[in-house]
Amino acid sequence: MAQALVDLLRDNFKEAVLSSHSHRGDEVVVVRRESVQEICRFLKDGEARMQLLRYIACVDLLTYDTEMTGGGALASNEVPAYDLAKKAPREPRFQLGYNVYSVVRKQSVR
């Protein structure tokens, strides 16, 4: 049933949906940042009926995948300057994650 939601997004936003996969029981859909507002509105007001925003999370990729942090364990202001000098900056630096839930359908998507 959750795959039907992913298919609904793919059908309605062909250019915006970059990828999708399952993670820990949730469907994860990666979309273009320019389309986030339109997709969120569609999920809320459309047939998906995703009317509960569980959370919005931001990931700072400045220190992600460095030897020192092992994948972003430290906040970027805690990383010594010499470590940052070894790594090229990642673009885009920030990623936002949204988790929305349909109380009626008992489904969520990230």
PDB file of N, CA and C in Angstrom:
ATOM      1  N   MET A   1       0.817  -1.198   0.000  1.00  0.00           N
ATOM      2  CA  MET A   1       0.000   0.000   0.000  1.00  0.00           C
ATOM      3  C   MET A   1       0.861   1.263   0.000  1.00  0.00           C
ATOM      4  N   ALA A   2       1.983   1.225   0.729  1.00  0.00           N
ATOM      5  CA  ALA A   2       2.867   2.390   0.760  1.00  0.00           C
ATOM      6  C   ALA A   2       3.508   2.623  -0.601  1.00  0.00           C
ATOM      7  N   GLN A   3       3.753   1.553  -1.340  1.00  0.00           N
ATOM      8  CA  GLN A   3       4.320   1.702  -2.676  1.00  0.00           C
ATOM      9  C   GLN A   3       3.358   2.457  -3.587  1.00  0.00           C
ATOM     10  N   ALA A   4       2.066   2.328  -3.343  1.00  0.00           N
ATOM     11  CA  ALA A   4       1.072   3.058  -4.134  1.00  0.00           C
ATOM     12  C   ALA A   4       1.252   4.566  -3.960  1.00  0.00           C
ATOM     13  N   LEU A   5       1.646   4.986  -2.769  1.00  0.00           N
ATOM     14  CA  LEU A   5       1.896   6.406  -2.518  1.00  0.00           C
ATOM     15  C   LEU A   5       3.112   6.891  -3.304  1.00  0.00           C
ATOM     16  N   VAL A   6       4.148   6.087  -3.343  1.00  0.00           N
ATOM     17  CA  VAL A   6       5.339   6.434  -4.131  1.00  0.00           C
ATOM     18  C   VAL A   6       4.970   6.519  -5.608  1.00  0.00           C
ATOM     19  N   ASP A   7       4.182   5.561  -6.073  1.00  0.00           N
ATOM     20  CA  ASP A   7       3.745   5.575  -7.474  1.00  0.00           C
ATOM     21  C   ASP A   7       2.900   6.809  -7.777  1.00  0.00           C
ATOM     22  N   LEU A   8       2.063   7.212  -6.828  1.00  0.00           N
ATOM     23  CA  LEU A   8       1.242   8.413  -6.993  1.00  0.00           C
ATOM     24  C   LEU A   8       2.123   9.649  -7.167  1.00  0.00           C
ATOM     25  N   LEU A   9       3.171   9.746  -6.360  1.00  0.00           N
ATOM     26  CA  LEU A   9       4.099  10.874  -6.489  1.00  0.00           C
ATOM     27  C   LEU A   9       4.853  10.820  -7.813  1.00  0.00           C
ATOM     28  N   ARG A  10       5.296   9.644  -8.195  1.00  0.00           N
ATOM     29  CA  ARG A  10       6.010   9.502  -9.475  1.00  0.00           C
ATOM     30  C   ARG A  10       5.116   9.869 -10.659  1.00  0.00           C
ATOM     31  N   ASP A  11       3.849   9.489 -10.599  1.00  0.00           N
ATOM     32  CA  ASP A  11       2.923   9.794 -11.691  1.00  0.00           C
ATOM     33  C   ASP A  11       2.627  11.288 -11.796  1.00  0.00           C
ATOM     34  N   ASN A  12       2.517  11.956 -10.655  1.00  0.00           N
ATOM     35  CA  ASN A  12       2.140  13.370 -10.651  1.00  0.00           C
ATOM     36  C   ASN A  12       3.325  14.324 -10.726  1.00  0.00           C
ATOM     37  N   PHE A  13       4.513  13.855 -10.372  1.00  0.00           N
ATOM     38  CA  PHE A  13       5.701  14.717 -10.352  1.00  0.00           C
ATOM     39  C   PHE A  13       6.879  13.990 -10.998  1.00  0.00           C
ATOM     40  N   LYS A  14       6.726  13.676 -12.270  1.00  0.00           N
ATOM     41  CA  LYS A  14       7.738  12.891 -12.988  1.00  0.00           C
ATOM     42  C   LYS A  14       9.125  13.522 -12.935  1.00  0.00           C
ATOM     43  N   GLU A  15       9.197  14.814 -13.137  1.00  0.00           N
ATOM     44  CA  GLU A  15      10.491  15.505 -13.172  1.00  0.00           C
ATOM     45  C   GLU A  15      11.051  15.765 -11.775  1.00  0.00           C
ATOM     46  N   ALA A  16      10.196  15.831 -10.777  1.00  0.00           N
ATOM     47  CA  ALA A  16      10.631  16.213  -9.430  1.00  0.00           C
ATOM     48  C   ALA A  16      11.145  15.038  -8.603  1.00  0.00           C
ATOM     49  N   VAL A  17      10.620  13.844  -8.825  1.00  0.00           N
ATOM     50  CA  VAL A  17      11.031  12.683  -8.032  1.00  0.00           C
ATOM     51  C   VAL A  17      12.348  12.148  -8.584  1.00  0.00           C
ATOM     52  N   LEU A  18      13.388  12.214  -7.755  1.00  0.00           N
ATOM     53  CA  LEU A  18      14.715  11.771  -8.176  1.00  0.00           C
ATOM     54  C   LEU A  18      14.942  10.292  -7.893  1.00  0.00           C
ATOM     55  N   SER A  19      14.461   9.820  -6.741  1.00  0.00           N
ATOM     56  CA  SER A  19      14.630   8.413  -6.384  1.00  0.00           C
ATOM     57  C   SER A  19      13.678   8.071  -5.246  1.00  0.00           C
ATOM     58  N   SER A  20      13.588   6.776  -4.956  1.00  0.00           N
ATOM     59  CA  SER A  20      12.784   6.328  -3.820  1.00  0.00           C
ATOM     60  C   SER A  20      13.318   4.988  -3.337  1.00  0.00           C
ATOM     61  N   HIS A  21      13.092   4.712  -2.060  1.00  0.00           N
ATOM     62  CA  HIS A  21      13.477   3.438  -1.467  1.00  0.00           C
ATOM     63  C   HIS A  21      12.749   3.272  -0.136  1.00  0.00           C
ATOM     64  N   SER A  22      12.836   2.100   0.443  1.00  0.00           N
ATOM     65  CA  SER A  22      12.258   1.842   1.764  1.00  0.00           C
ATOM     66  C   SER A  22      13.371   1.866   2.798  1.00  0.00           C
ATOM     67  N   HIS A  23      13.067   2.422   3.971  1.00  0.00           N
ATOM     68  CA  HIS A  23      14.044   2.468   5.055  1.00  0.00           C
ATOM     69  C   HIS A  23      13.307   2.345   6.383  1.00  0.00           C
ATOM     70  N   ARG A  24      13.574   1.279   7.105  1.00  0.00           N
ATOM     71  CA  ARG A  24      12.984   1.034   8.424  1.00  0.00           C
ATOM     72  C   ARG A  24      11.460   1.130   8.418  1.00  0.00           C
ATOM     73  N   GLY A  25      10.861   0.569   7.402  1.00  0.00           N
ATOM     74  CA  GLY A  25       9.409   0.516   7.331  1.00  0.00           C
ATOM     75  C   GLY A  25       8.737   1.735   6.736  1.00  0.00           C
ATOM     76  N   ASP A  26       9.498   2.755   6.407  1.00  0.00           N
ATOM     77  CA  ASP A  26       8.942   3.956   5.784  1.00  0.00           C
ATOM     78  C   ASP A  26       9.382   4.037   4.332  1.00  0.00           C
ATOM     79  N   GLU A  27       8.519   4.603   3.523  1.00  0.00           N
ATOM     80  CA  GLU A  27       8.905   4.896   2.151  1.00  0.00           C
ATOM     81  C   GLU A  27       9.630   6.235   2.146  1.00  0.00           C
ATOM     82  N   VAL A  28      10.737   6.284   1.445  1.00  0.00           N
ATOM     83  CA  VAL A  28      11.540   7.499   1.345  1.00  0.00           C
ATOM     84  C   VAL A  28      11.540   7.930  -0.115  1.00  0.00           C
ATOM     85  N   VAL A  29      11.181   9.181  -0.348  1.00  0.00           N
ATOM     86  CA  VAL A  29      11.150   9.727  -1.704  1.00  0.00           C
ATOM     87  C   VAL A  29      12.055  10.949  -1.726  1.00  0.00           C
ATOM     88  N   VAL A  30      13.020  10.952  -2.620  1.00  0.00           N
ATOM     89  CA  VAL A  30      13.940  12.078  -2.774  1.00  0.00           C
ATOM     90  C   VAL A  30      13.433  12.924  -3.933  1.00  0.00           C
ATOM     91  N   VAL A  31      13.225  14.220  -3.649  1.00  0.00           N
ATOM     92  CA  VAL A  31      12.666  15.121  -4.665  1.00  0.00           C
ATOM     93  C   VAL A  31      13.557  16.343  -4.833  1.00  0.00           C
ATOM     94  N   ARG A  32      13.379  17.017  -5.944  1.00  0.00           N
ATOM     95  CA  ARG A  32      14.104  18.275  -6.187  1.00  0.00           C
ATOM     96  C   ARG A  32      13.629  19.329  -5.194  1.00  0.00           C
ATOM     97  N   ARG A  33      14.568  20.106  -4.695  1.00  0.00           N
ATOM     98  CA  ARG A  33      14.206  21.097  -3.678  1.00  0.00           C
ATOM     99  C   ARG A  33      13.255  22.157  -4.210  1.00  0.00           C
ATOM    100  N   GLU A  34      13.297  22.425  -5.500  1.00  0.00           N
ATOM    101  CA  GLU A  34      12.401  23.423  -6.081  1.00  0.00           C
ATOM    102  C   GLU A  34      10.938  22.965  -6.047  1.00  0.00           C
ATOM    103  N   SER A  35      10.713  21.684  -5.876  1.00  0.00           N
ATOM    104  CA  SER A  35       9.354  21.132  -5.921  1.00  0.00           C
ATOM    105  C   SER A  35       8.786  20.780  -4.551  1.00  0.00           C
ATOM    106  N   VAL A  36       9.529  21.009  -3.494  1.00  0.00           N
ATOM    107  CA  VAL A  36       9.104  20.571  -2.159  1.00  0.00           C
ATOM    108  C   VAL A  36       7.764  21.178  -1.761  1.00  0.00           C
ATOM    109  N   GLN A  37       7.602  22.472  -1.942  1.00  0.00           N
ATOM    110  CA  GLN A  37       6.360  23.125  -1.518  1.00  0.00           C
ATOM    111  C   GLN A  37       5.155  22.563  -2.271  1.00  0.00           C
ATOM    112  N   GLU A  38       5.285  22.405  -3.561  1.00  0.00           N
ATOM    113  CA  GLU A  38       4.192  21.876  -4.376  1.00  0.00           C
ATOM    114  C   GLU A  38       3.860  20.425  -3.992  1.00  0.00           C
ATOM    115  N   ILE A  39       4.879  19.624  -3.746  1.00  0.00           N
ATOM    116  CA  ILE A  39       4.660  18.224  -3.372  1.00  0.00           C
ATOM    117  C   ILE A  39       4.031  18.122  -1.986  1.00  0.00           C
ATOM    118  N   CYS A  40       4.485  18.939  -1.048  1.00  0.00           N
ATOM    119  CA  CYS A  40       3.882  18.931   0.293  1.00  0.00           C
ATOM    120  C   CYS A  40       2.411  19.333   0.235  1.00  0.00           C
ATOM    121  N   ARG A  41       2.103  20.321  -0.571  1.00  0.00           N
ATOM    122  CA  ARG A  41       0.707  20.738  -0.726  1.00  0.00           C
ATOM    123  C   ARG A  41      -0.124  19.603  -1.338  1.00  0.00           C
ATOM    124  N   PHE A  42       0.428  18.928  -2.328  1.00  0.00           N
ATOM    125  CA  PHE A  42      -0.256  17.799  -2.960  1.00  0.00           C
ATOM    126  C   PHE A  42      -0.489  16.672  -1.948  1.00  0.00           C
ATOM    127  N   LEU A  43       0.528  16.362  -1.148  1.00  0.00           N
ATOM    128  CA  LEU A  43       0.386  15.297  -0.153  1.00  0.00           C
ATOM    129  C   LEU A  43      -0.665  15.643   0.895  1.00  0.00           C
ATOM    130  N   LYS A  44      -0.745  16.902   1.260  1.00  0.00           N
ATOM    131  CA  LYS A  44      -1.709  17.324   2.284  1.00  0.00           C
ATOM    132  C   LYS A  44      -3.130  17.395   1.738  1.00  0.00           C
ATOM    133  N   ASP A  45      -3.300  18.043   0.606  1.00  0.00           N
ATOM    134  CA  ASP A  45      -4.642  18.332   0.096  1.00  0.00           C
ATOM    135  C   ASP A  45      -5.151  17.310  -0.915  1.00  0.00           C
ATOM    136  N   GLY A  46      -4.273  16.508  -1.479  1.00  0.00           N
ATOM    137  CA  GLY A  46      -4.670  15.551  -2.510  1.00  0.00           C
ATOM    138  C   GLY A  46      -5.196  14.254  -1.924  1.00  0.00           C
ATOM    139  N   GLU A  47      -5.246  13.242  -2.760  1.00  0.00           N
ATOM    140  CA  GLU A  47      -5.809  11.962  -2.332  1.00  0.00           C
ATOM    141  C   GLU A  47      -4.945  11.233  -1.307  1.00  0.00           C
ATOM    142  N   ALA A  48      -3.685  11.626  -1.146  1.00  0.00           N
ATOM    143  CA  ALA A  48      -2.819  10.987  -0.152  1.00  0.00           C
ATOM    144  C   ALA A  48      -3.264  11.300   1.277  1.00  0.00           C
ATOM    145  N   ARG A  49      -3.840  12.476   1.481  1.00  0.00           N
ATOM    146  CA  ARG A  49      -4.378  12.905   2.782  1.00  0.00           C
ATOM    147  C   ARG A  49      -3.344  12.833   3.904  1.00  0.00           C
ATOM    148  N   MET A  50      -2.137  13.287   3.603  1.00  0.00           N
ATOM    149  CA  MET A  50      -1.061  13.346   4.593  1.00  0.00           C
ATOM    150  C   MET A  50      -1.193  14.661   5.362  1.00  0.00           C
ATOM    151  N   GLN A  51      -1.949  14.650   6.440  1.00  0.00           N
ATOM    152  CA  GLN A  51      -2.264  15.897   7.123  1.00  0.00           C
ATOM    153  C   GLN A  51      -1.502  16.110   8.421  1.00  0.00           C
ATOM    154  N   LEU A  52      -0.589  15.207   8.748  1.00  0.00           N
ATOM    155  CA  LEU A  52       0.202  15.371   9.963  1.00  0.00           C
ATOM    156  C   LEU A  52       1.675  15.475   9.583  1.00  0.00           C
ATOM    157  N   LEU A  53       2.269  16.611   9.884  1.00  0.00           N
ATOM    158  CA  LEU A  53       3.705  16.786   9.687  1.00  0.00           C
ATOM    159  C   LEU A  53       4.391  16.315  10.960  1.00  0.00           C
ATOM    160  N   ARG A  54       5.070  15.184  10.886  1.00  0.00           N
ATOM    161  CA  ARG A  54       5.730  14.634  12.076  1.00  0.00           C
ATOM    162  C   ARG A  54       6.973  15.433  12.442  1.00  0.00           C
ATOM    163  N   TYR A  55       7.809  15.708  11.452  1.00  0.00           N
ATOM    164  CA  TYR A  55       8.997  16.509  11.731  1.00  0.00           C
ATOM    165  C   TYR A  55       9.613  17.022  10.438  1.00  0.00           C
ATOM    166  N   ILE A  56      10.444  18.038  10.610  1.00  0.00           N
ATOM    167  CA  ILE A  56      11.341  18.521   9.561  1.00  0.00           C
ATOM    168  C   ILE A  56      12.731  18.486  10.182  1.00  0.00           C
ATOM    169  N   ALA A  57      13.664  17.842   9.519  1.00  0.00           N
ATOM    170  CA  ALA A  57      15.030  17.741  10.034  1.00  0.00           C
ATOM    171  C   ALA A  57      16.001  18.280   8.995  1.00  0.00           C
ATOM    172  N   CYS A  58      17.056  18.915   9.473  1.00  0.00           N
ATOM    173  CA  CYS A  58      18.088  19.438   8.588  1.00  0.00           C
ATOM    174  C   CYS A  58      19.403  18.726   8.882  1.00  0.00           C
ATOM    175  N   VAL A  59      20.102  18.345   7.832  1.00  0.00           N
ATOM    176  CA  VAL A  59      21.408  17.704   7.964  1.00  0.00           C
ATOM    177  C   VAL A  59      22.443  18.639   7.357  1.00  0.00           C
ATOM    178  N   ASP A  60      23.459  18.974   8.152  1.00  0.00           N
ATOM    179  CA  ASP A  60      24.571  19.790   7.678  1.00  0.00           C
ATOM    180  C   ASP A  60      25.655  18.835   7.189  1.00  0.00           C
ATOM    181  N   LEU A  61      25.909  18.832   5.901  1.00  0.00           N
ATOM    182  CA  LEU A  61      26.858  17.895   5.305  1.00  0.00           C
ATOM    183  C   LEU A  61      28.295  18.399   5.301  1.00  0.00           C
ATOM    184  N   LEU A  62      28.559  19.505   5.993  1.00  0.00           N
ATOM    185  CA  LEU A  62      29.901  20.069   6.002  1.00  0.00           C
ATOM    186  C   LEU A  62      30.930  19.055   6.482  1.00  0.00           C
ATOM    187  N   THR A  63      30.611  18.307   7.529  1.00  0.00           N
ATOM    188  CA  THR A  63      31.573  17.355   8.082  1.00  0.00           C
ATOM    189  C   THR A  63      31.209  15.909   7.793  1.00  0.00           C
ATOM    190  N   TYR A  64      30.225  15.685   6.994  1.00  0.00           N
ATOM    191  CA  TYR A  64      29.785  14.324   6.711  1.00  0.00           C
ATOM    192  C   TYR A  64      30.870  13.557   5.960  1.00  0.00           C
ATOM    193  N   ASP A  65      31.076  12.317   6.324  1.00  0.00           N
ATOM    194  CA  ASP A  65      32.071  11.430   5.705  1.00  0.00           C
ATOM    195  C   ASP A  65      33.518  11.852   5.957  1.00  0.00           C
ATOM    196  N   THR A  66      33.786  12.582   7.005  1.00  0.00           N
ATOM    197  CA  THR A  66      35.184  12.902   7.307  1.00  0.00           C
ATOM    198  C   THR A  66      35.764  11.792   8.171  1.00  0.00           C
ATOM    199  N   GLU A  67      37.088  11.692   8.161  1.00  0.00           N
ATOM    200  CA  GLU A  67      37.744  10.666   8.964  1.00  0.00           C
ATOM    201  C   GLU A  67      37.478  10.894  10.443  1.00  0.00           C
ATOM    202  N   MET A  68      37.452  12.149  10.837  1.00  0.00           N
ATOM    203  CA  MET A  68      37.336  12.475  12.251  1.00  0.00           C
ATOM    204  C   MET A  68      35.956  12.150  12.814  1.00  0.00           C
ATOM    205  N   THR A  69      34.920  12.468  12.078  1.00  0.00           N
ATOM    206  CA  THR A  69      33.581  12.321  12.637  1.00  0.00           C
ATOM    207  C   THR A  69      32.966  10.971  12.340  1.00  0.00           C
ATOM    208  N   GLY A  70      33.482  10.264  11.361  1.00  0.00           N
ATOM    209  CA  GLY A  70      32.903   8.978  11.027  1.00  0.00           C
ATOM    210  C   GLY A  70      31.504   9.100  10.463  1.00  0.00           C
ATOM    211  N   GLY A  71      31.192  10.214   9.863  1.00  0.00           N
ATOM    212  CA  GLY A  71      29.881  10.371   9.247  1.00  0.00           C
ATOM    213  C   GLY A  71      29.029  11.418   9.908  1.00  0.00           C
ATOM    214  N   GLY A  72      29.620  12.500  10.355  1.00  0.00           N
ATOM    215  CA  GLY A  72      28.821  13.613  10.849  1.00  0.00           C
ATOM    216  C   GLY A  72      28.470  13.534  12.315  1.00  0.00           C
ATOM    217  N   ALA A  73      29.297  12.897  13.140  1.00  0.00           N
ATOM    218  CA  ALA A  73      28.975  12.761  14.556  1.00  0.00           C
ATOM    219  C   ALA A  73      29.136  14.067  15.323  1.00  0.00           C
ATOM    220  N   LEU A  74      29.957  14.978  14.833  1.00  0.00           N
ATOM    221  CA  LEU A  74      30.175  16.249  15.518  1.00  0.00           C
ATOM    222  C   LEU A  74      29.482  17.376  14.774  1.00  0.00           C
ATOM    223  N   ALA A  75      29.083  18.375  15.517  1.00  0.00           N
ATOM    224  CA  ALA A  75      28.546  19.573  14.873  1.00  0.00           C
ATOM    225  C   ALA A  75      29.673  20.257  14.117  1.00  0.00           C
ATOM    226  N   SER A  76      29.340  20.956  13.049  1.00  0.00           N
ATOM    227  CA  SER A  76      30.374  21.537  12.197  1.00  0.00           C
ATOM    228  C   SER A  76      31.239  22.555  12.936  1.00  0.00           C
ATOM    229  N   ASN A  77      30.713  23.210  13.966  1.00  0.00           N
ATOM    230  CA  ASN A  77      31.531  24.187  14.687  1.00  0.00           C
ATOM    231  C   ASN A  77      32.495  23.515  15.660  1.00  0.00           C
ATOM    232  N   GLU A  78      32.421  22.195  15.821  1.00  0.00           N
ATOM    233  CA  GLU A  78      33.337  21.477  16.703  1.00  0.00           C
ATOM    234  C   GLU A  78      34.505  20.855  15.950  1.00  0.00           C
ATOM    235  N   VAL A  79      34.491  20.909  14.639  1.00  0.00           N
ATOM    236  CA  VAL A  79      35.524  20.269  13.838  1.00  0.00           C
ATOM    237  C   VAL A  79      36.698  21.225  13.673  1.00  0.00           C
ATOM    238  N   PRO A  80      37.907  20.759  13.961  1.00  0.00           N
ATOM    239  CA  PRO A  80      39.077  21.627  13.809  1.00  0.00           C
ATOM    240  C   PRO A  80      39.254  22.096  12.368  1.00  0.00           C
ATOM    241  N   ALA A  81      39.828  23.265  12.217  1.00  0.00           N
ATOM    242  CA  ALA A  81      40.004  23.863  10.892  1.00  0.00           C
ATOM    243  C   ALA A  81      40.866  22.987   9.991  1.00  0.00           C
ATOM    244  N   TYR A  82      41.861  22.302  10.544  1.00  0.00           N
ATOM    245  CA  TYR A  82      42.727  21.477   9.695  1.00  0.00           C
ATOM    246  C   TYR A  82      41.953  20.338   9.040  1.00  0.00           C
ATOM    247  N   ASP A  83      40.951  19.820   9.703  1.00  0.00           N
ATOM    248  CA  ASP A  83      40.159  18.731   9.129  1.00  0.00           C
ATOM    249  C   ASP A  83      39.313  19.246   7.968  1.00  0.00           C
ATOM    250  N   LEU A  84      38.731  20.422   8.119  1.00  0.00           N
ATOM    251  CA  LEU A  84      37.903  20.988   7.060  1.00  0.00           C
ATOM    252  C   LEU A  84      38.738  21.367   5.848  1.00  0.00           C
ATOM    253  N   ALA A  85      39.997  21.730   6.075  1.00  0.00           N
ATOM    254  CA  ALA A  85      40.858  22.117   4.962  1.00  0.00           C
ATOM    255  C   ALA A  85      41.164  20.927   4.056  1.00  0.00           C
ATOM    256  N   LYS A  86      41.084  19.695   4.583  1.00  0.00           N
ATOM    257  CA  LYS A  86      41.385  18.508   3.790  1.00  0.00           C
ATOM    258  C   LYS A  86      40.240  18.107   2.870  1.00  0.00           C
ATOM    259  N   LYS A  87      39.050  18.568   3.146  1.00  0.00           N
ATOM    260  CA  LYS A  87      37.875  18.125   2.400  1.00  0.00           C
ATOM    261  C   LYS A  87      37.317  19.244   1.531  1.00  0.00           C
ATOM    262  N   ALA A  88      36.911  18.870   0.343  1.00  0.00           N
ATOM    263  CA  ALA A  88      36.219  19.837  -0.514  1.00  0.00           C
ATOM    264  C   ALA A  88      34.801  20.019   0.014  1.00  0.00           C
ATOM    265  N   PRO A  89      34.261  21.225  -0.049  1.00  0.00           N
ATOM    266  CA  PRO A  89      32.892  21.438   0.432  1.00  0.00           C
ATOM    267  C   PRO A  89      31.888  20.658  -0.403  1.00  0.00           C
ATOM    268  N   ARG A  90      30.858  20.162   0.246  1.00  0.00           N
ATOM    269  CA  ARG A  90      29.803  19.421  -0.453  1.00  0.00           C
ATOM    270  C   ARG A  90      28.716  20.379  -0.891  1.00  0.00           C
ATOM    271  N   GLU A  91      28.202  20.154  -2.061  1.00  0.00           N
ATOM    272  CA  GLU A  91      27.096  20.962  -2.571  1.00  0.00           C
ATOM    273  C   GLU A  91      25.963  20.049  -2.978  1.00  0.00           C
ATOM    274  N   PRO A  92      24.772  20.287  -2.568  1.00  0.00           N
ATOM    275  CA  PRO A  92      24.402  21.312  -1.599  1.00  0.00           C
ATOM    276  C   PRO A  92      24.852  20.906  -0.197  1.00  0.00           C
ATOM    277  N   ARG A  93      25.139  21.897   0.614  1.00  0.00           N
ATOM    278  CA  ARG A  93      25.653  21.626   1.952  1.00  0.00           C
ATOM    279  C   ARG A  93      24.573  21.076   2.878  1.00  0.00           C
ATOM    280  N   PHE A  94      23.350  21.541   2.736  1.00  0.00           N
ATOM    281  CA  PHE A  94      22.274  21.140   3.642  1.00  0.00           C
ATOM    282  C   PHE A  94      21.245  20.269   2.922  1.00  0.00           C
ATOM    283  N   GLN A  95      20.685  19.322   3.661  1.00  0.00           N
ATOM    284  CA  GLN A  95      19.560  18.527   3.178  1.00  0.00           C
ATOM    285  C   GLN A  95      18.442  18.637   4.201  1.00  0.00           C
ATOM    286  N   LEU A  96      17.218  18.763   3.713  1.00  0.00           N
ATOM    287  CA  LEU A  96      16.055  18.790   4.594  1.00  0.00           C
ATOM    288  C   LEU A  96      15.294  17.486   4.446  1.00  0.00           C
ATOM    289  N   GLY A  97      14.819  16.976   5.561  1.00  0.00           N
ATOM    290  CA  GLY A  97      14.002  15.775   5.551  1.00  0.00           C
ATOM    291  C   GLY A  97      12.650  16.070   6.176  1.00  0.00           C
ATOM    292  N   TYR A  98      11.593  15.687   5.501  1.00  0.00           N
ATOM    293  CA  TYR A  98      10.229  15.874   5.991  1.00  0.00           C
ATOM    294  C   TYR A  98       9.636  14.491   6.233  1.00  0.00           C
ATOM    295  N   ASN A  99       8.875  14.338   7.293  1.00  0.00           N
ATOM    296  CA  ASN A  99       8.145  13.099   7.534  1.00  0.00           C
ATOM    297  C   ASN A  99       6.685  13.476   7.710  1.00  0.00           C
ATOM    298  N   VAL A 100       5.852  13.000   6.800  1.00  0.00           N
ATOM    299  CA  VAL A 100       4.418  13.295   6.856  1.00  0.00           C
ATOM    300  C   VAL A 100       3.650  11.993   7.017  1.00  0.00           C
ATOM    301  N   TYR A 101       2.488  12.098   7.653  1.00  0.00           N
ATOM    302  CA  TYR A 101       1.716  10.904   8.021  1.00  0.00           C
ATOM    303  C   TYR A 101       0.241  11.128   7.735  1.00  0.00           C
ATOM    304  N   SER A 102      -0.407  10.081   7.253  1.00  0.00           N
ATOM    305  CA  SER A 102      -1.850  10.106   7.050  1.00  0.00           C
ATOM    306  C   SER A 102      -2.499   9.320   8.180  1.00  0.00           C
ATOM    307  N   VAL A 103      -3.249  10.016   9.027  1.00  0.00           N
ATOM    308  CA  VAL A 103      -3.948   9.365  10.131  1.00  0.00           C
ATOM    309  C   VAL A 103      -5.024   8.439   9.579  1.00  0.00           C
ATOM    310  N   VAL A 104      -5.682   8.870   8.519  1.00  0.00           N
ATOM    311  CA  VAL A 104      -6.761   8.086   7.913  1.00  0.00           C
ATOM    312  C   VAL A 104      -6.222   6.797   7.294  1.00  0.00           C
ATOM    313  N   ARG A 105      -5.126   6.910   6.543  1.00  0.00           N
ATOM    314  CA  ARG A 105      -4.570   5.746   5.843  1.00  0.00           C
ATOM    315  C   ARG A 105      -3.538   4.978   6.665  1.00  0.00           C
ATOM    316  N   LYS A 106      -3.066   5.598   7.746  1.00  0.00           N
ATOM    317  CA  LYS A 106      -2.023   5.004   8.589  1.00  0.00           C
ATOM    318  C   LYS A 106      -0.764   4.690   7.774  1.00  0.00           C
ATOM    319  N   GLN A 107      -0.344   5.684   6.995  1.00  0.00           N
ATOM    320  CA  GLN A 107       0.854   5.582   6.161  1.00  0.00           C
ATOM    321  C   GLN A 107       1.719   6.807   6.382  1.00  0.00           C
ATOM    322  N   SER A 108       3.012   6.608   6.229  1.00  0.00           N
ATOM    323  CA  SER A 108       3.909   7.754   6.292  1.00  0.00           C
ATOM    324  C   SER A 108       4.867   7.709   5.118  1.00  0.00           C
ATOM    325  N   VAL A 109       5.435   8.855   4.839  1.00  0.00           N
ATOM    326  CA  VAL A 109       6.444   8.969   3.793  1.00  0.00           C
ATOM    327  C   VAL A 109       7.455  10.004   4.259  1.00  0.00           C
ATOM    328  N   ARG A 110       8.708   9.742   3.923  1.00  0.00           N
ATOM    329  CA  ARG A 110       9.775  10.691   4.244  1.00  0.00           C
ATOM    330  C   ARG A 110      10.350  11.209   2.959  1.00  0.00           C
TER     331      ARG A 110
END
